[in-house]
Amino acid sequence: MPSIFVTRKLPASVLARLESAGTVEVYAGAGAIPREELRAAVAGKDALVSMLTERIDQEIIEAGPQLKVIANVAVGYNNIDVTHARSRGIIVTNTPDVLTESVADFTWALILAVTRRLSEGERLIRRGEWKGWAFDFMLGAEVEGKQLGLVGLGRIARAVARKAPAFGMKVAYAARREADLPGAESLSIDRLLNTSDVVSLHVPLTPETRHLIDRRALARMKRSAYLVNTARGPVVDESALAWALREHLLAGAALDVYEDEPAVHPDLLALENVLLVPHLASGTTETRTAMADLAAENVIAVLAGRPPITPVTS
C-alpha cells in the first residue's frame, strides 16, 4: 500500500480516510516537526500532508524520491518549492475555498476590534487601571461611511467586500486587473493607500509582495487609517509598521500573521495601538476540519491515479 506522512495531528475522521488509501504515519510532536525529522520521514513515502509551517524546499523534496503528491493544508503554498516538485513529477495541492468565509469573517472581526480599540480596553481592565466611564474615554472610530481598501482581490478579499455593505463601508481595491465587483472602485495602490480608512491585505507572498507595505507605503496612508493583515506576515515590514505606529502616522493596525512566526517584532509588542492575534483567521473547528478533509481527498485522488481536486497550477 502507498505510504503517507502527515506533519501534524489531524482529526481522527480525516486520518481514517487517509488510512483507506495507504499506511499513515503522523508526527507526534506538539509543535512543528524539526527539519531533520521531516527529511528522514519523507524517505520512502508516496504522499506528504504538510502545513504552512513546514518549508518543503529542494532538500526535503529530494529526500522523498517516491513522493507523488504534497498536499498543503493551507491556501498559500509559498512554503513549497512548487517548481522543483513539478520537475520531479510531484503534484502539489492546496486548500482554497473552504476557508474563504471563515477568514473573511475574521477580517471583519479585526477591523471592528481595532477601530473600536477592544484589545486596548481589555488589557486596561486586566491591569486594573479602569477608573469608570468617562465621556471622552478611549474613543474609537466609526466604519460606516468610510472606505475599505483591499490590496489584492482573490476569493477572501471578494468575501470581505461582499460583507462591507452590512457595515456601511464603500470598497476600493488595488489588483493586477479590474474585476467585476459591483459597487467597488479600482484604484492604484498608491491612491488606495492615500484614500482608504481601513487597508486590508489579501495578497499571496511572492518576491513582489514581500515588504509591499514598507515605510514609504505606510507614510502614504491617512493618519486616521488602520492596517489589517490576514494574508502573509512578510507582506508587511514589521519594523516599518512599528515606526509608523509609534510616530502616529496611522491610527492602528491589526495583525494575524507575522514575518518570523511565532516571533513578533519586539517594538510591536510594546505598542498599544496594534492588535496582535496568533494566526487564527481560519481557526474554527469547521474550517480546519474542512481544510484537512480537502487535503486528504487530494492525496486519495492522486494515489488512485486521478486528478486532485485543487492542484496548484501557478
C-alpha atoms as a PDB file:
ATOM      1  CA  MET A   1       0.000   0.000   0.000  1.00  0.00           C
ATOM      2  CA  PRO A   2       1.103   3.604  -0.509  1.00  0.00           C
ATOM      3  CA  SER A   3       2.772   5.294   2.451  1.00  0.00           C
ATOM      4  CA  ILE A   4       1.596   8.697   3.697  1.00  0.00           C
ATOM      5  CA  PHE A   5       3.300  11.056   6.130  1.00  0.00           C
ATOM      6  CA  VAL A   6       1.348  13.777   7.968  1.00  0.00           C
ATOM      7  CA  THR A   7       3.318  16.551   9.658  1.00  0.00           C
ATOM      8  CA  ARG A   8       0.716  17.428  12.315  1.00  0.00           C
ATOM      9  CA  LYS A   9      -2.100  15.709  14.150  1.00  0.00           C
ATOM     10  CA  LEU A  10      -5.363  15.882  12.210  1.00  0.00           C
ATOM     11  CA  PRO A  11      -8.948  14.969  13.153  1.00  0.00           C
ATOM     12  CA  ALA A  12      -9.455  11.227  13.569  1.00  0.00           C
ATOM     13  CA  SER A  13     -12.071  11.210  10.808  1.00  0.00           C
ATOM     14  CA  VAL A  14      -9.526  12.651   8.357  1.00  0.00           C
ATOM     15  CA  LEU A  15      -6.817  10.179   9.334  1.00  0.00           C
ATOM     16  CA  ALA A  16      -9.307   7.342   8.878  1.00  0.00           C
ATOM     17  CA  ARG A  17      -9.949   8.496   5.308  1.00  0.00           C
ATOM     18  CA  LEU A  18      -6.219   8.594   4.607  1.00  0.00           C
ATOM     19  CA  GLU A  19      -5.827   5.103   6.077  1.00  0.00           C
ATOM     20  CA  SER A  20      -8.284   3.856   3.475  1.00  0.00           C
ATOM     21  CA  ALA A  21      -5.720   4.828   0.827  1.00  0.00           C
ATOM     22  CA  GLY A  22      -2.470   3.747   2.480  1.00  0.00           C
ATOM     23  CA  THR A  23      -0.441   3.374   5.630  1.00  0.00           C
ATOM     24  CA  VAL A  24      -0.338   6.616   7.594  1.00  0.00           C
ATOM     25  CA  GLU A  25       2.410   7.962   9.841  1.00  0.00           C
ATOM     26  CA  VAL A  26       1.751  11.147  11.836  1.00  0.00           C
ATOM     27  CA  TYR A  27       4.347  13.290  13.559  1.00  0.00           C
ATOM     28  CA  ALA A  28       3.503  13.058  17.243  1.00  0.00           C
ATOM     29  CA  GLY A  29       5.255  16.190  18.475  1.00  0.00           C
ATOM     30  CA  ALA A  30       3.422  19.198  19.863  1.00  0.00           C
ATOM     31  CA  GLY A  31       4.821  21.823  17.502  1.00  0.00           C
ATOM     32  CA  ALA A  32       6.290  21.996  14.028  1.00  0.00           C
ATOM     33  CA  ILE A  33       8.310  18.953  13.028  1.00  0.00           C
ATOM     34  CA  PRO A  34      12.078  19.555  13.215  1.00  0.00           C
ATOM     35  CA  ARG A  35      13.623  19.784   9.782  1.00  0.00           C
ATOM     36  CA  GLU A  36      15.908  16.769  10.184  1.00  0.00           C
ATOM     37  CA  GLU A  37      12.980  14.624  11.286  1.00  0.00           C
ATOM     38  CA  LEU A  38      10.941  15.788   8.300  1.00  0.00           C
ATOM     39  CA  ARG A  39      13.777  14.969   5.925  1.00  0.00           C
ATOM     40  CA  ALA A  40      14.052  11.473   7.393  1.00  0.00           C
ATOM     41  CA  ALA A  41      10.283  10.972   7.455  1.00  0.00           C
ATOM     42  CA  VAL A  42       9.661  11.643   3.747  1.00  0.00           C
ATOM     43  CA  ALA A  43      12.076   8.920   2.678  1.00  0.00           C
ATOM     44  CA  GLY A  44      10.055   6.094   1.203  1.00  0.00           C
ATOM     45  CA  LYS A  45       6.750   7.999   1.383  1.00  0.00           C
ATOM     46  CA  ASP A  46       4.339   8.346  -1.523  1.00  0.00           C
ATOM     47  CA  ALA A  47       2.414  11.314  -0.102  1.00  0.00           C
ATOM     48  CA  LEU A  48       3.178  14.194   2.244  1.00  0.00           C
ATOM     49  CA  VAL A  49       0.461  16.158   4.036  1.00  0.00           C
ATOM     50  CA  SER A  50       2.126  19.399   5.126  1.00  0.00           C
ATOM     51  CA  MET A  51       1.252  22.595   6.938  1.00  0.00           C
ATOM     52  CA  LEU A  52       2.302  26.153   6.118  1.00  0.00           C
ATOM     53  CA  THR A  53       4.855  25.955   8.954  1.00  0.00           C
ATOM     54  CA  GLU A  54       6.968  23.405   7.063  1.00  0.00           C
ATOM     55  CA  ARG A  55       9.481  24.534   4.451  1.00  0.00           C
ATOM     56  CA  ILE A  56       9.255  21.952   1.698  1.00  0.00           C
ATOM     57  CA  ASP A  57      12.251  23.004  -0.350  1.00  0.00           C
ATOM     58  CA  GLN A  58      14.540  21.158  -2.751  1.00  0.00           C
ATOM     59  CA  GLU A  59      16.370  19.357   0.074  1.00  0.00           C
ATOM     60  CA  ILE A  60      13.167  17.929   1.545  1.00  0.00           C
ATOM     61  CA  ILE A  61      11.774  17.029  -1.879  1.00  0.00           C
ATOM     62  CA  GLU A  62      14.983  15.223  -2.840  1.00  0.00           C
ATOM     63  CA  ALA A  63      14.788  13.242   0.405  1.00  0.00           C
ATOM     64  CA  GLY A  64      11.484  11.743  -0.801  1.00  0.00           C
ATOM     65  CA  PRO A  65      12.222  10.208  -4.209  1.00  0.00           C
ATOM     66  CA  GLN A  66       8.936   8.231  -4.131  1.00  0.00           C
ATOM     67  CA  LEU A  67       6.729  11.268  -3.465  1.00  0.00           C
ATOM     68  CA  LYS A  68       3.769  11.605  -5.789  1.00  0.00           C
ATOM     69  CA  VAL A  69       1.845  14.357  -4.015  1.00  0.00           C
ATOM     70  CA  ILE A  70       2.431  17.135  -1.478  1.00  0.00           C
ATOM     71  CA  ALA A  71      -0.901  18.237  -0.013  1.00  0.00           C
ATOM     72  CA  ASN A  72      -0.579  21.556   1.785  1.00  0.00           C
ATOM     73  CA  VAL A  73      -3.286  22.201   4.392  1.00  0.00           C
ATOM     74  CA  ALA A  74      -3.444  25.913   3.543  1.00  0.00           C
ATOM     75  CA  VAL A  75      -4.465  28.229   0.740  1.00  0.00           C
ATOM     76  CA  GLY A  76      -0.957  29.614   0.382  1.00  0.00           C
ATOM     77  CA  TYR A  77       1.914  27.449  -0.816  1.00  0.00           C
ATOM     78  CA  ASN A  78       4.903  29.787  -0.609  1.00  0.00           C
ATOM     79  CA  ASN A  79       6.396  27.266   1.837  1.00  0.00           C
ATOM     80  CA  ILE A  80       6.779  24.743  -1.005  1.00  0.00           C
ATOM     81  CA  ASP A  81       9.238  24.802  -3.904  1.00  0.00           C
ATOM     82  CA  VAL A  82       6.492  24.089  -6.423  1.00  0.00           C
ATOM     83  CA  THR A  83       8.815  24.385  -9.429  1.00  0.00           C
ATOM     84  CA  HIS A  84      11.211  21.762  -8.116  1.00  0.00           C
ATOM     85  CA  ALA A  85       8.353  19.490  -7.088  1.00  0.00           C
ATOM     86  CA  ARG A  86       6.947  19.630 -10.618  1.00  0.00           C
ATOM     87  CA  SER A  87      10.364  18.878 -12.085  1.00  0.00           C
ATOM     88  CA  ARG A  88      10.245  15.642 -10.101  1.00  0.00           C
ATOM     89  CA  GLY A  89       6.722  14.826 -11.256  1.00  0.00           C
ATOM     90  CA  ILE A  90       5.207  15.602  -7.842  1.00  0.00           C
ATOM     91  CA  ILE A  91       1.730  17.115  -7.730  1.00  0.00           C
ATOM     92  CA  VAL A  92       1.264  19.965  -5.232  1.00  0.00           C
ATOM     93  CA  THR A  93      -2.203  20.767  -3.882  1.00  0.00           C
ATOM     94  CA  ASN A  94      -3.673  23.363  -1.539  1.00  0.00           C
ATOM     95  CA  THR A  95      -6.995  24.007   0.203  1.00  0.00           C
ATOM     96  CA  PRO A  96      -8.711  27.081  -1.265  1.00  0.00           C
ATOM     97  CA  ASP A  97     -12.408  27.987  -0.936  1.00  0.00           C
ATOM     98  CA  VAL A  98     -13.162  26.021   2.246  1.00  0.00           C
ATOM     99  CA  LEU A  99     -11.687  28.761   4.468  1.00  0.00           C
ATOM    100  CA  THR A 100     -12.861  31.795   2.499  1.00  0.00           C
ATOM    101  CA  GLU A 101     -15.836  32.775   4.630  1.00  0.00           C
ATOM    102  CA  SER A 102     -14.064  31.995   7.897  1.00  0.00           C
ATOM    103  CA  VAL A 103     -11.139  34.280   7.052  1.00  0.00           C
ATOM    104  CA  ALA A 104     -13.452  36.984   5.709  1.00  0.00           C
ATOM    105  CA  ASP A 105     -15.468  36.956   8.940  1.00  0.00           C
ATOM    106  CA  PHE A 106     -12.256  37.092  10.937  1.00  0.00           C
ATOM    107  CA  THR A 107     -11.031  40.045   8.877  1.00  0.00           C
ATOM    108  CA  TRP A 108     -14.163  41.935   9.837  1.00  0.00           C
ATOM    109  CA  ALA A 109     -13.653  40.943  13.467  1.00  0.00           C
ATOM    110  CA  LEU A 110     -10.187  42.522  13.321  1.00  0.00           C
ATOM    111  CA  ILE A 111     -11.492  45.654  11.590  1.00  0.00           C
ATOM    112  CA  LEU A 112     -14.146  46.215  14.244  1.00  0.00           C
ATOM    113  CA  ALA A 113     -11.848  45.312  17.122  1.00  0.00           C
ATOM    114  CA  VAL A 114      -9.028  47.649  16.107  1.00  0.00           C
ATOM    115  CA  THR A 115     -11.222  50.594  15.151  1.00  0.00           C
ATOM    116  CA  ARG A 116     -13.114  50.351  18.459  1.00  0.00           C
ATOM    117  CA  ARG A 117      -9.933  49.670  20.469  1.00  0.00           C
ATOM    118  CA  LEU A 118     -11.265  46.479  22.036  1.00  0.00           C
ATOM    119  CA  SER A 119      -7.890  44.920  22.785  1.00  0.00           C
ATOM    120  CA  GLU A 120      -6.663  48.132  24.426  1.00  0.00           C
ATOM    121  CA  GLY A 121      -9.741  48.231  26.635  1.00  0.00           C
ATOM    122  CA  GLU A 122      -9.453  44.559  27.555  1.00  0.00           C
ATOM    123  CA  ARG A 123      -5.814  44.972  28.557  1.00  0.00           C
ATOM    124  CA  LEU A 124      -6.660  48.070  30.580  1.00  0.00           C
ATOM    125  CA  ILE A 125      -9.247  46.189  32.627  1.00  0.00           C
ATOM    126  CA  ARG A 126      -6.924  43.234  33.214  1.00  0.00           C
ATOM    127  CA  ARG A 127      -4.285  45.639  34.509  1.00  0.00           C
ATOM    128  CA  GLY A 128      -6.827  47.030  36.968  1.00  0.00           C
ATOM    129  CA  GLU A 129      -6.476  50.545  35.546  1.00  0.00           C
ATOM    130  CA  TRP A 130     -10.084  51.283  34.534  1.00  0.00           C
ATOM    131  CA  LYS A 131     -11.447  54.156  36.633  1.00  0.00           C
ATOM    132  CA  GLY A 132     -15.001  54.085  35.300  1.00  0.00           C
ATOM    133  CA  TRP A 133     -16.996  55.543  32.419  1.00  0.00           C
ATOM    134  CA  ALA A 134     -15.977  58.934  31.034  1.00  0.00           C
ATOM    135  CA  PHE A 135     -17.438  60.903  28.132  1.00  0.00           C
ATOM    136  CA  ASP A 136     -14.216  61.137  26.123  1.00  0.00           C
ATOM    137  CA  PHE A 137     -12.506  57.950  27.302  1.00  0.00           C
ATOM    138  CA  MET A 138     -10.801  55.631  24.776  1.00  0.00           C
ATOM    139  CA  LEU A 139     -12.762  56.860  21.778  1.00  0.00           C
ATOM    140  CA  GLY A 140     -12.567  54.741  18.656  1.00  0.00           C
ATOM    141  CA  ALA A 141     -13.614  55.322  15.070  1.00  0.00           C
ATOM    142  CA  GLU A 142     -16.812  54.550  13.158  1.00  0.00           C
ATOM    143  CA  VAL A 143     -16.567  52.473   9.985  1.00  0.00           C
ATOM    144  CA  GLU A 144     -19.894  53.500   8.435  1.00  0.00           C
ATOM    145  CA  GLY A 145     -19.409  55.831   5.501  1.00  0.00           C
ATOM    146  CA  LYS A 146     -15.676  55.089   5.363  1.00  0.00           C
ATOM    147  CA  GLN A 147     -13.601  53.449   2.628  1.00  0.00           C
ATOM    148  CA  LEU A 148     -12.301  49.909   2.910  1.00  0.00           C
ATOM    149  CA  GLY A 149      -9.253  49.433   0.697  1.00  0.00           C
ATOM    150  CA  LEU A 150      -8.481  45.865  -0.347  1.00  0.00           C
ATOM    151  CA  VAL A 151      -4.959  45.101  -1.541  1.00  0.00           C
ATOM    152  CA  GLY A 152      -5.452  42.055  -3.721  1.00  0.00           C
ATOM    153  CA  LEU A 153      -8.761  40.656  -4.936  1.00  0.00           C
ATOM    154  CA  GLY A 154      -8.784  36.912  -4.533  1.00  0.00           C
ATOM    155  CA  ARG A 155     -11.534  34.772  -3.032  1.00  0.00           C
ATOM    156  CA  ILE A 156     -11.093  36.057   0.519  1.00  0.00           C
ATOM    157  CA  ALA A 157     -10.908  39.718  -0.478  1.00  0.00           C
ATOM    158  CA  ARG A 158     -14.107  39.325  -2.503  1.00  0.00           C
ATOM    159  CA  ALA A 159     -15.836  37.737   0.501  1.00  0.00           C
ATOM    160  CA  VAL A 160     -14.684  40.637   2.689  1.00  0.00           C
ATOM    161  CA  ALA A 161     -16.051  43.059   0.087  1.00  0.00           C
ATOM    162  CA  ARG A 162     -19.432  41.306  -0.002  1.00  0.00           C
ATOM    163  CA  LYS A 163     -19.843  41.909   3.737  1.00  0.00           C
ATOM    164  CA  ALA A 164     -18.899  45.605   3.565  1.00  0.00           C
ATOM    165  CA  PRO A 165     -22.443  46.924   2.892  1.00  0.00           C
ATOM    166  CA  ALA A 166     -23.596  45.458   6.215  1.00  0.00           C
ATOM    167  CA  PHE A 167     -21.219  47.881   7.921  1.00  0.00           C
ATOM    168  CA  GLY A 168     -21.912  50.810   5.604  1.00  0.00           C
ATOM    169  CA  MET A 169     -18.432  50.837   4.077  1.00  0.00           C
ATOM    170  CA  LYS A 170     -17.637  51.561   0.465  1.00  0.00           C
ATOM    171  CA  VAL A 171     -14.996  49.349  -1.160  1.00  0.00           C
ATOM    172  CA  ALA A 172     -11.952  50.134  -3.241  1.00  0.00           C
ATOM    173  CA  TYR A 173      -9.377  47.628  -4.418  1.00  0.00           C
ATOM    174  CA  ALA A 174      -5.899  47.501  -5.904  1.00  0.00           C
ATOM    175  CA  ALA A 175      -5.306  44.429  -8.067  1.00  0.00           C
ATOM    176  CA  ARG A 176      -3.441  43.415 -11.196  1.00  0.00           C
ATOM    177  CA  ARG A 177      -6.542  43.896 -13.300  1.00  0.00           C
ATOM    178  CA  GLU A 178     -10.011  45.372 -12.952  1.00  0.00           C
ATOM    179  CA  ALA A 179     -12.674  42.964 -11.799  1.00  0.00           C
ATOM    180  CA  ASP A 180     -16.424  42.655 -11.868  1.00  0.00           C
ATOM    181  CA  LEU A 181     -17.087  43.689  -8.272  1.00  0.00           C
ATOM    182  CA  PRO A 182     -20.326  45.699  -8.071  1.00  0.00           C
ATOM    183  CA  GLY A 183     -20.016  48.953  -6.200  1.00  0.00           C
ATOM    184  CA  ALA A 184     -16.236  48.710  -5.802  1.00  0.00           C
ATOM    185  CA  GLU A 185     -13.706  51.112  -7.282  1.00  0.00           C
ATOM    186  CA  SER A 186     -10.429  50.016  -8.853  1.00  0.00           C
ATOM    187  CA  LEU A 187      -7.505  52.187  -7.738  1.00  0.00           C
ATOM    188  CA  SER A 188      -3.743  52.184  -7.979  1.00  0.00           C
ATOM    189  CA  ILE A 189      -2.155  51.004  -4.760  1.00  0.00           C
ATOM    190  CA  ASP A 190      -0.805  54.493  -4.053  1.00  0.00           C
ATOM    191  CA  ARG A 191      -4.247  56.031  -4.494  1.00  0.00           C
ATOM    192  CA  LEU A 192      -5.813  53.292  -2.377  1.00  0.00           C
ATOM    193  CA  LEU A 193      -3.350  53.932   0.458  1.00  0.00           C
ATOM    194  CA  ASN A 194      -3.951  57.688   0.201  1.00  0.00           C
ATOM    195  CA  THR A 195      -7.723  57.469   0.425  1.00  0.00           C
ATOM    196  CA  SER A 196      -8.709  54.392   2.458  1.00  0.00           C
ATOM    197  CA  ASP A 197      -9.748  54.465   6.094  1.00  0.00           C
ATOM    198  CA  VAL A 198      -9.062  50.750   6.530  1.00  0.00           C
ATOM    199  CA  VAL A 199      -6.480  48.934   4.382  1.00  0.00           C
ATOM    200  CA  SER A 200      -6.843  45.140   4.386  1.00  0.00           C
ATOM    201  CA  LEU A 201      -4.177  42.931   2.811  1.00  0.00           C
ATOM    202  CA  HIS A 202      -5.145  39.909   0.702  1.00  0.00           C
ATOM    203  CA  VAL A 203      -2.141  39.081  -1.486  1.00  0.00           C
ATOM    204  CA  PRO A 204      -0.020  35.923  -1.643  1.00  0.00           C
ATOM    205  CA  LEU A 205       3.612  36.089  -0.573  1.00  0.00           C
ATOM    206  CA  THR A 206       5.814  36.478  -3.642  1.00  0.00           C
ATOM    207  CA  PRO A 207       9.087  38.316  -4.271  1.00  0.00           C
ATOM    208  CA  GLU A 208       6.972  41.244  -5.481  1.00  0.00           C
ATOM    209  CA  THR A 209       4.741  41.393  -2.388  1.00  0.00           C
ATOM    210  CA  ARG A 210       7.425  40.868   0.268  1.00  0.00           C
ATOM    211  CA  HIS A 211       7.522  44.137   2.264  1.00  0.00           C
ATOM    212  CA  LEU A 212       4.906  45.602  -0.056  1.00  0.00           C
ATOM    213  CA  ILE A 213       3.848  47.606   2.985  1.00  0.00           C
ATOM    214  CA  ASP A 214       7.072  49.372   3.894  1.00  0.00           C
ATOM    215  CA  ARG A 215       7.920  52.830   5.259  1.00  0.00           C
ATOM    216  CA  ARG A 216       7.015  54.511   2.004  1.00  0.00           C
ATOM    217  CA  ALA A 217       3.639  52.781   1.796  1.00  0.00           C
ATOM    218  CA  LEU A 218       2.815  53.461   5.445  1.00  0.00           C
ATOM    219  CA  ALA A 219       3.732  57.122   5.086  1.00  0.00           C
ATOM    220  CA  ARG A 220       1.184  57.416   2.280  1.00  0.00           C
ATOM    221  CA  MET A 221      -1.701  56.242   4.463  1.00  0.00           C
ATOM    222  CA  LYS A 222      -4.065  58.562   6.289  1.00  0.00           C
ATOM    223  CA  ARG A 223      -3.078  59.319   9.852  1.00  0.00           C
ATOM    224  CA  SER A 224      -6.578  58.209  10.835  1.00  0.00           C
ATOM    225  CA  ALA A 225      -6.309  54.912   8.924  1.00  0.00           C
ATOM    226  CA  TYR A 226      -5.956  51.311  10.101  1.00  0.00           C
ATOM    227  CA  LEU A 227      -3.969  48.463   8.560  1.00  0.00           C
ATOM    228  CA  VAL A 228      -5.212  44.852   8.750  1.00  0.00           C
ATOM    229  CA  ASN A 229      -3.151  41.829   7.686  1.00  0.00           C
ATOM    230  CA  THR A 230      -4.632  38.327   7.435  1.00  0.00           C
ATOM    231  CA  ALA A 231      -2.553  37.421   4.354  1.00  0.00           C
ATOM    232  CA  ARG A 232       1.114  36.600   4.946  1.00  0.00           C
ATOM    233  CA  GLY A 233       3.386  38.174   7.549  1.00  0.00           C
ATOM    234  CA  PRO A 234       6.300  39.230   5.319  1.00  0.00           C
ATOM    235  CA  VAL A 235       3.968  41.349   3.171  1.00  0.00           C
ATOM    236  CA  VAL A 236       4.400  43.917   5.966  1.00  0.00           C
ATOM    237  CA  ASP A 237       7.767  45.249   7.097  1.00  0.00           C
ATOM    238  CA  GLU A 238       7.178  44.925  10.847  1.00  0.00           C
ATOM    239  CA  SER A 239       9.976  47.308  11.761  1.00  0.00           C
ATOM    240  CA  ALA A 240       8.469  49.952   9.469  1.00  0.00           C
ATOM    241  CA  LEU A 241       4.999  49.325  10.890  1.00  0.00           C
ATOM    242  CA  ALA A 242       6.247  49.758  14.457  1.00  0.00           C
ATOM    243  CA  TRP A 243       7.862  53.045  13.415  1.00  0.00           C
ATOM    244  CA  ALA A 244       4.663  54.279  11.747  1.00  0.00           C
ATOM    245  CA  LEU A 245       2.502  53.360  14.747  1.00  0.00           C
ATOM    246  CA  ARG A 246       4.955  54.888  17.198  1.00  0.00           C
ATOM    247  CA  GLU A 247       5.024  58.118  15.180  1.00  0.00           C
ATOM    248  CA  HIS A 248       1.204  58.086  14.863  1.00  0.00           C
ATOM    249  CA  LEU A 249       1.406  58.034  11.064  1.00  0.00           C
ATOM    250  CA  LEU A 250      -1.645  55.778  11.195  1.00  0.00           C
ATOM    251  CA  ALA A 251      -4.224  55.180  13.883  1.00  0.00           C
ATOM    252  CA  GLY A 252      -3.706  51.477  14.414  1.00  0.00           C
ATOM    253  CA  ALA A 253      -3.075  48.033  12.989  1.00  0.00           C
ATOM    254  CA  ALA A 254      -4.392  44.503  13.443  1.00  0.00           C
ATOM    255  CA  LEU A 255      -2.142  41.562  12.581  1.00  0.00           C
ATOM    256  CA  ASP A 256      -2.903  37.854  12.429  1.00  0.00           C
ATOM    257  CA  VAL A 257       0.334  36.896  10.638  1.00  0.00           C
ATOM    258  CA  TYR A 258       3.985  37.824  11.190  1.00  0.00           C
ATOM    259  CA  GLU A 259       7.318  37.971   9.416  1.00  0.00           C
ATOM    260  CA  ASP A 260       9.013  35.336  11.557  1.00  0.00           C
ATOM    261  CA  GLU A 261       6.246  33.349  13.232  1.00  0.00           C
ATOM    262  CA  PRO A 262       5.868  32.655  16.076  1.00  0.00           C
ATOM    263  CA  ALA A 263       8.205  35.554  16.882  1.00  0.00           C
ATOM    264  CA  VAL A 264       6.714  39.051  16.793  1.00  0.00           C
ATOM    265  CA  HIS A 265       8.807  42.193  16.395  1.00  0.00           C
ATOM    266  CA  PRO A 266       9.536  43.413  19.939  1.00  0.00           C
ATOM    267  CA  ASP A 267       8.701  47.008  19.041  1.00  0.00           C
ATOM    268  CA  LEU A 268       5.155  45.936  18.131  1.00  0.00           C
ATOM    269  CA  LEU A 269       4.741  44.166  21.456  1.00  0.00           C
ATOM    270  CA  ALA A 270       5.388  47.441  23.264  1.00  0.00           C
ATOM    271  CA  LEU A 271       2.667  49.389  21.416  1.00  0.00           C
ATOM    272  CA  GLU A 272      -0.959  49.802  22.473  1.00  0.00           C
ATOM    273  CA  ASN A 273      -2.341  50.765  19.050  1.00  0.00           C
ATOM    274  CA  VAL A 274      -1.766  47.371  17.449  1.00  0.00           C
ATOM    275  CA  LEU A 275      -3.948  44.280  17.862  1.00  0.00           C
ATOM    276  CA  LEU A 276      -1.854  41.093  17.745  1.00  0.00           C
ATOM    277  CA  VAL A 277      -3.564  37.744  17.154  1.00  0.00           C
ATOM    278  CA  PRO A 278      -1.821  34.322  16.865  1.00  0.00           C
ATOM    279  CA  HIS A 279      -2.673  33.285  13.278  1.00  0.00           C
ATOM    280  CA  LEU A 280      -6.314  32.407  13.915  1.00  0.00           C
ATOM    281  CA  ALA A 281      -8.072  33.568  10.739  1.00  0.00           C
ATOM    282  CA  SER A 282      -9.120  30.076   9.634  1.00  0.00           C
ATOM    283  CA  GLY A 283      -9.244  28.834  13.210  1.00  0.00           C
ATOM    284  CA  THR A 284     -12.697  27.314  13.565  1.00  0.00           C
ATOM    285  CA  THR A 285     -13.348  23.631  14.097  1.00  0.00           C
ATOM    286  CA  GLU A 286     -15.491  23.507  10.980  1.00  0.00           C
ATOM    287  CA  THR A 287     -12.980  25.236   8.704  1.00  0.00           C
ATOM    288  CA  ARG A 288      -9.850  23.448   9.872  1.00  0.00           C
ATOM    289  CA  THR A 289     -11.632  20.100   9.522  1.00  0.00           C
ATOM    290  CA  ALA A 290     -12.773  21.022   6.018  1.00  0.00           C
ATOM    291  CA  MET A 291      -9.204  22.013   5.099  1.00  0.00           C
ATOM    292  CA  ALA A 292      -7.844  18.695   6.348  1.00  0.00           C
ATOM    293  CA  ASP A 293     -10.633  16.811   4.544  1.00  0.00           C
ATOM    294  CA  LEU A 294      -9.781  18.527   1.263  1.00  0.00           C
ATOM    295  CA  ALA A 295      -6.077  17.763   1.660  1.00  0.00           C
ATOM    296  CA  ALA A 296      -6.958  14.108   2.315  1.00  0.00           C
ATOM    297  CA  GLU A 297      -9.200  13.983  -0.764  1.00  0.00           C
ATOM    298  CA  ASN A 298      -6.349  15.366  -2.860  1.00  0.00           C
ATOM    299  CA  VAL A 299      -3.975  12.693  -1.566  1.00  0.00           C
ATOM    300  CA  ILE A 300      -6.505   9.901  -2.127  1.00  0.00           C
ATOM    301  CA  ALA A 301      -7.173  11.075  -5.684  1.00  0.00           C
ATOM    302  CA  VAL A 302      -3.508  11.263  -6.682  1.00  0.00           C
ATOM    303  CA  LEU A 303      -2.643   7.898  -5.141  1.00  0.00           C
ATOM    304  CA  ALA A 304      -5.579   6.381  -7.034  1.00  0.00           C
ATOM    305  CA  GLY A 305      -4.315   7.853 -10.307  1.00  0.00           C
ATOM    306  CA  ARG A 306      -6.977  10.529 -10.540  1.00  0.00           C
ATOM    307  CA  PRO A 307      -6.548  14.314 -10.850  1.00  0.00           C
ATOM    308  CA  PRO A 308      -6.631  16.110  -7.485  1.00  0.00           C
ATOM    309  CA  ILE A 309      -9.499  18.421  -6.603  1.00  0.00           C
ATOM    310  CA  THR A 310      -7.384  21.528  -6.017  1.00  0.00           C
ATOM    311  CA  PRO A 311      -3.993  21.305  -7.695  1.00  0.00           C
ATOM    312  CA  VAL A 312      -1.613  24.243  -7.503  1.00  0.00           C
ATOM    313  CA  THR A 313      -1.448  25.499 -11.085  1.00  0.00           C
ATOM    314  CA  SER A 314       0.597  28.691 -10.845  1.00  0.00           C
END
